[in-house]
Amino acid sequence: MNHLSDTDQLANRYHAMRHGQSKANEAGVIVSRIETDRDGDWGLSELGRRQAQETAGRCGLPADTVICSSDFARARQTAEIVRARLSAPEVTLSEELRERCFGDLEGTPAANYARVWQADNAGAGGQAGSGIESADAVLDRATALVAGLERRYAGRDVLLVSHGDTLQILQAGFQRMEASAHRRLPHLDTAQIRELRLSDRPSGERPAAVQAPLF
């Protein structure tokens, strides 16, 4: 479910930020379960920390930015770097922003992401293997978070620090696209921030261009 489908105008300004390069990125393996993350050292690489610091220094977001982050180490560490640079309020950890679960592909080479994306494009619900979270399920949880933030705040900048697939699918929600079509949108590089704007196009029309990165 897209919890933004009946929303005509947003009360806040939303920005998506992908975490900096992680040790999983560096190793080329899939780490998508919170248990795996907590049991190992899968936070930011040294390059990832530098990326987050550089992004934080030039993002232009105000000090009262509301920062919500996945509770995976790589996202949480990225969010804390930005929070410290902005002198922003405490980061809120949100399970809704967790990485998409890749099921039995956990711990396998990152090249296997392509299998899931192919299944998404084919309308197979992401089922390229056992236990893979569907794109629709990610859309449901991510847009539910935004809907909740809309009820809590008004006139604020909100930074959502998360993961590649989760943010791809959230972008699709803002564009009122099917979740399975998320790979048609430009991806976020590590530590990149992109403003999210709600499309006013009716469902079924071509999506509006994704807003350009902040830098």
Protein backbone atom coordinates (compact mmCIF):
# COMPACT_ATOMS: atom_id res chain seq x y z
CA MET A 1 0.00 0.00 0.00
CA ASN A 2 1.16 3.52 -0.79
CA HIS A 3 0.15 5.59 2.24
CA LEU A 4 0.74 8.78 0.21
CA SER A 5 -1.66 7.88 -2.60
CA ASP A 6 -4.46 10.11 -1.26
CA THR A 7 -2.14 12.95 -0.24
CA ASP A 8 -2.30 16.06 -2.42
CA GLN A 9 0.25 18.23 -0.64
CA LEU A 10 2.94 17.54 1.91
CA ALA A 11 3.35 19.56 5.09
CA ASN A 12 7.13 19.00 5.22
CA ARG A 13 10.12 18.88 2.86
CA TYR A 14 11.56 15.38 2.51
CA HIS A 15 15.11 14.39 1.57
CA ALA A 16 16.35 10.85 0.96
CA MET A 17 19.93 10.00 1.90
CA ARG A 18 21.60 6.72 1.15
CA HIS A 19 24.18 5.64 3.73
CA GLY A 20 27.88 6.08 2.93
CA GLN A 21 29.88 3.18 1.58
CA SER A 22 29.57 0.30 4.03
CA LYS A 23 31.88 -2.59 4.80
CA ALA A 24 29.32 -4.82 3.08
CA ASN A 25 29.57 -2.62 -0.04
CA GLU A 26 33.35 -2.83 0.22
CA ALA A 27 33.23 -6.62 0.52
CA GLY A 28 30.58 -6.99 -2.19
CA VAL A 29 28.17 -9.02 -0.07
CA ILE A 30 24.48 -8.71 0.80
CA VAL A 31 23.74 -7.79 4.43
CA SER A 32 20.00 -7.21 4.69
CA ARG A 33 18.97 -8.79 8.00
CA ILE A 34 19.21 -6.77 11.20
CA GLU A 35 20.46 -9.88 13.01
CA THR A 36 23.40 -10.16 10.59
CA ASP A 37 24.15 -6.48 11.03
CA ARG A 38 24.12 -6.71 14.81
CA ASP A 39 26.24 -9.86 14.89
CA GLY A 40 29.04 -8.45 12.75
CA ASP A 41 31.01 -5.35 11.85
CA TRP A 42 29.00 -4.04 8.90
CA GLY A 43 29.08 -0.30 9.52
CA LEU A 44 30.70 2.39 7.40
CA SER A 45 34.04 1.89 5.72
CA GLU A 46 36.62 4.65 6.05
CA LEU A 47 35.57 5.90 2.61
CA GLY A 48 31.93 5.80 3.73
CA ARG A 49 32.69 7.99 6.73
CA ARG A 50 34.45 10.51 4.52
CA GLN A 51 31.55 10.48 2.08
CA ALA A 52 29.05 11.15 4.88
CA GLN A 53 31.17 13.97 6.28
CA GLU A 54 31.55 15.61 2.88
CA THR A 55 27.83 15.36 2.19
CA ALA A 56 26.95 16.73 5.61
CA GLY A 57 29.24 19.69 5.08
CA ARG A 58 27.58 20.84 1.89
CA CYS A 59 23.98 19.65 2.13
CA GLY A 60 22.62 23.03 3.23
CA LEU A 61 20.01 21.55 5.54
CA PRO A 62 19.02 23.61 8.61
CA ALA A 63 19.89 22.82 12.21
CA ASP A 64 16.31 21.88 13.05
CA THR A 65 16.20 19.12 10.43
CA VAL A 66 14.30 16.05 11.60
CA ILE A 67 16.59 13.06 10.95
CA CYS A 68 15.09 9.57 10.78
CA SER A 69 17.35 6.62 10.09
CA SER A 70 17.32 2.89 9.58
CA ASP A 71 18.74 1.14 12.63
CA PHE A 72 21.34 -0.74 10.55
CA ALA A 73 24.83 0.37 11.58
CA ARG A 74 25.75 1.83 8.21
CA ALA A 75 22.69 4.07 8.10
CA ARG A 76 22.79 4.97 11.79
CA GLN A 77 26.45 6.01 11.58
CA THR A 78 25.76 8.10 8.49
CA ALA A 79 22.84 9.83 10.20
CA GLU A 80 24.92 10.60 13.30
CA ILE A 81 27.64 12.19 11.19
CA VAL A 82 25.06 14.47 9.56
CA ARG A 83 23.38 15.22 12.88
CA ALA A 84 26.68 16.27 14.44
CA ARG A 85 27.58 18.52 11.51
CA LEU A 86 24.17 20.23 11.51
CA SER A 87 23.84 20.32 15.32
CA ALA A 88 20.43 18.79 14.68
CA PRO A 89 18.17 17.11 17.25
CA GLU A 90 18.66 13.46 18.19
CA VAL A 91 18.32 10.94 15.39
CA THR A 92 15.15 8.84 15.44
CA LEU A 93 15.78 5.20 14.51
CA SER A 94 13.01 3.72 12.38
CA GLU A 95 12.55 0.06 11.54
CA GLU A 96 10.45 1.25 8.59
CA LEU A 97 13.64 2.50 6.93
CA ARG A 98 15.51 -0.80 7.23
CA GLU A 99 17.14 -2.43 4.24
CA ARG A 100 14.89 -4.56 2.08
CA CYS A 101 15.28 -8.14 3.27
CA PHE A 102 16.89 -10.33 0.61
CA GLY A 103 16.07 -13.62 2.30
CA ASP A 104 18.23 -16.58 1.33
CA LEU A 105 20.48 -14.27 -0.70
CA GLU A 106 21.88 -12.99 2.63
CA GLY A 107 25.66 -13.19 2.67
CA THR A 108 25.90 -13.93 -1.06
CA PRO A 109 27.62 -11.72 -3.67
CA ALA A 110 26.01 -8.35 -4.32
CA ALA A 111 25.63 -9.31 -7.98
CA ASN A 112 22.54 -11.27 -6.86
CA TYR A 113 20.63 -8.01 -6.36
CA ALA A 114 20.06 -8.05 -10.12
CA ARG A 115 18.04 -11.27 -9.82
CA VAL A 116 15.59 -9.55 -7.49
CA TRP A 117 15.32 -6.45 -9.67
CA GLN A 118 14.59 -8.61 -12.71
CA ALA A 119 11.83 -10.33 -10.76
CA ASP A 120 10.47 -6.91 -9.72
CA ASN A 121 10.37 -5.76 -13.35
CA ALA A 122 8.58 -8.97 -14.30
CA GLY A 123 5.93 -8.32 -11.66
CA ALA A 124 7.01 -11.31 -9.61
CA GLY A 125 6.86 -9.44 -6.31
CA GLY A 126 10.60 -9.66 -5.79
CA GLN A 127 10.44 -13.43 -5.35
CA ALA A 128 13.77 -14.32 -6.93
CA GLY A 129 14.47 -16.55 -3.93
CA SER A 130 13.02 -17.62 -0.58
CA GLY A 131 12.22 -14.99 2.03
CA ILE A 132 12.78 -11.93 -0.18
CA GLU A 133 10.70 -8.96 0.92
CA SER A 134 8.41 -7.74 -1.83
CA ALA A 135 8.70 -4.24 -3.22
CA ASP A 136 5.08 -3.66 -2.18
CA ALA A 137 5.92 -4.51 1.43
CA VAL A 138 8.80 -2.03 1.44
CA LEU A 139 6.54 0.63 -0.09
CA ASP A 140 3.95 0.02 2.62
CA ARG A 141 6.35 0.47 5.55
CA ALA A 142 8.34 3.37 4.08
CA THR A 143 5.34 5.46 3.05
CA ALA A 144 3.62 4.69 6.38
CA LEU A 145 6.58 6.34 8.10
CA VAL A 146 6.24 9.45 5.94
CA ALA A 147 2.49 9.60 6.61
CA GLY A 148 3.24 9.44 10.33
CA LEU A 149 5.78 12.24 10.06
CA GLU A 150 3.17 14.33 8.24
CA ARG A 151 0.88 13.96 11.25
CA ARG A 152 3.63 14.90 13.69
CA TYR A 153 5.40 17.81 11.98
CA ALA A 154 4.69 20.76 9.68
CA GLY A 155 7.06 23.08 7.83
CA ARG A 156 10.16 21.01 8.64
CA ASP A 157 12.98 19.54 6.61
CA VAL A 158 13.03 15.78 7.14
CA LEU A 159 16.07 13.67 6.24
CA LEU A 160 15.41 9.95 5.71
CA VAL A 161 18.66 7.97 5.95
CA SER A 162 18.26 4.51 4.52
CA HIS A 163 19.40 1.97 1.92
CA GLY A 164 19.48 1.65 -1.85
CA ASP A 165 16.39 -0.49 -2.49
CA THR A 166 14.31 1.04 0.29
CA LEU A 167 14.91 4.54 -1.05
CA GLN A 168 14.37 3.47 -4.68
CA ILE A 169 10.97 2.11 -3.69
CA LEU A 170 10.15 5.17 -1.56
CA GLN A 171 10.93 7.38 -4.55
CA ALA A 172 8.48 5.31 -6.59
CA GLY A 173 5.87 5.99 -3.91
CA PHE A 174 6.43 9.73 -4.13
CA GLN A 175 6.09 9.47 -7.91
CA ARG A 176 2.87 7.42 -7.54
CA MET A 177 4.45 4.56 -9.47
CA GLU A 178 4.08 0.85 -8.89
CA ALA A 179 6.68 -0.28 -6.36
CA SER A 180 7.95 -2.94 -8.76
CA ALA A 181 8.96 -0.20 -11.23
CA HIS A 182 11.47 1.35 -8.83
CA ARG A 183 14.54 0.54 -10.95
CA ARG A 184 13.26 2.88 -13.68
CA LEU A 185 14.21 5.78 -11.43
CA PRO A 186 17.77 7.11 -11.04
CA HIS A 187 19.51 5.37 -8.16
CA LEU A 188 21.15 7.12 -5.23
CA ASP A 189 24.91 6.86 -4.90
CA THR A 190 26.39 6.19 -1.47
CA ALA A 191 25.98 9.24 0.81
CA GLN A 192 23.95 11.09 -1.82
CA ILE A 193 20.98 13.24 -0.78
CA ARG A 194 18.01 13.81 -3.05
CA GLU A 195 14.91 15.88 -2.41
CA LEU A 196 11.66 13.93 -2.68
CA ARG A 197 8.68 15.71 -4.18
CA LEU A 198 5.21 14.27 -4.40
CA SER A 199 4.02 13.92 -7.99
CA ASP A 200 0.63 15.41 -8.82
CA ARG A 201 0.22 13.22 -11.88
CA PRO A 202 -2.64 10.74 -11.81
CA SER A 203 -1.72 7.08 -11.54
CA GLY A 204 -0.94 5.51 -14.90
CA GLU A 205 0.70 8.54 -16.49
CA ARG A 206 4.42 8.79 -17.08
CA PRO A 207 6.19 9.75 -13.83
CA ALA A 208 7.56 13.22 -13.43
CA ALA A 209 11.34 13.51 -13.49
CA VAL A 210 12.95 12.74 -10.16
CA GLN A 211 14.17 15.85 -8.40
CA ALA A 212 17.85 16.52 -8.96
CA PRO A 213 20.28 15.86 -6.09
CA LEU A 214 20.96 18.69 -3.68
CA PHE A 215 24.57 18.71 -4.89
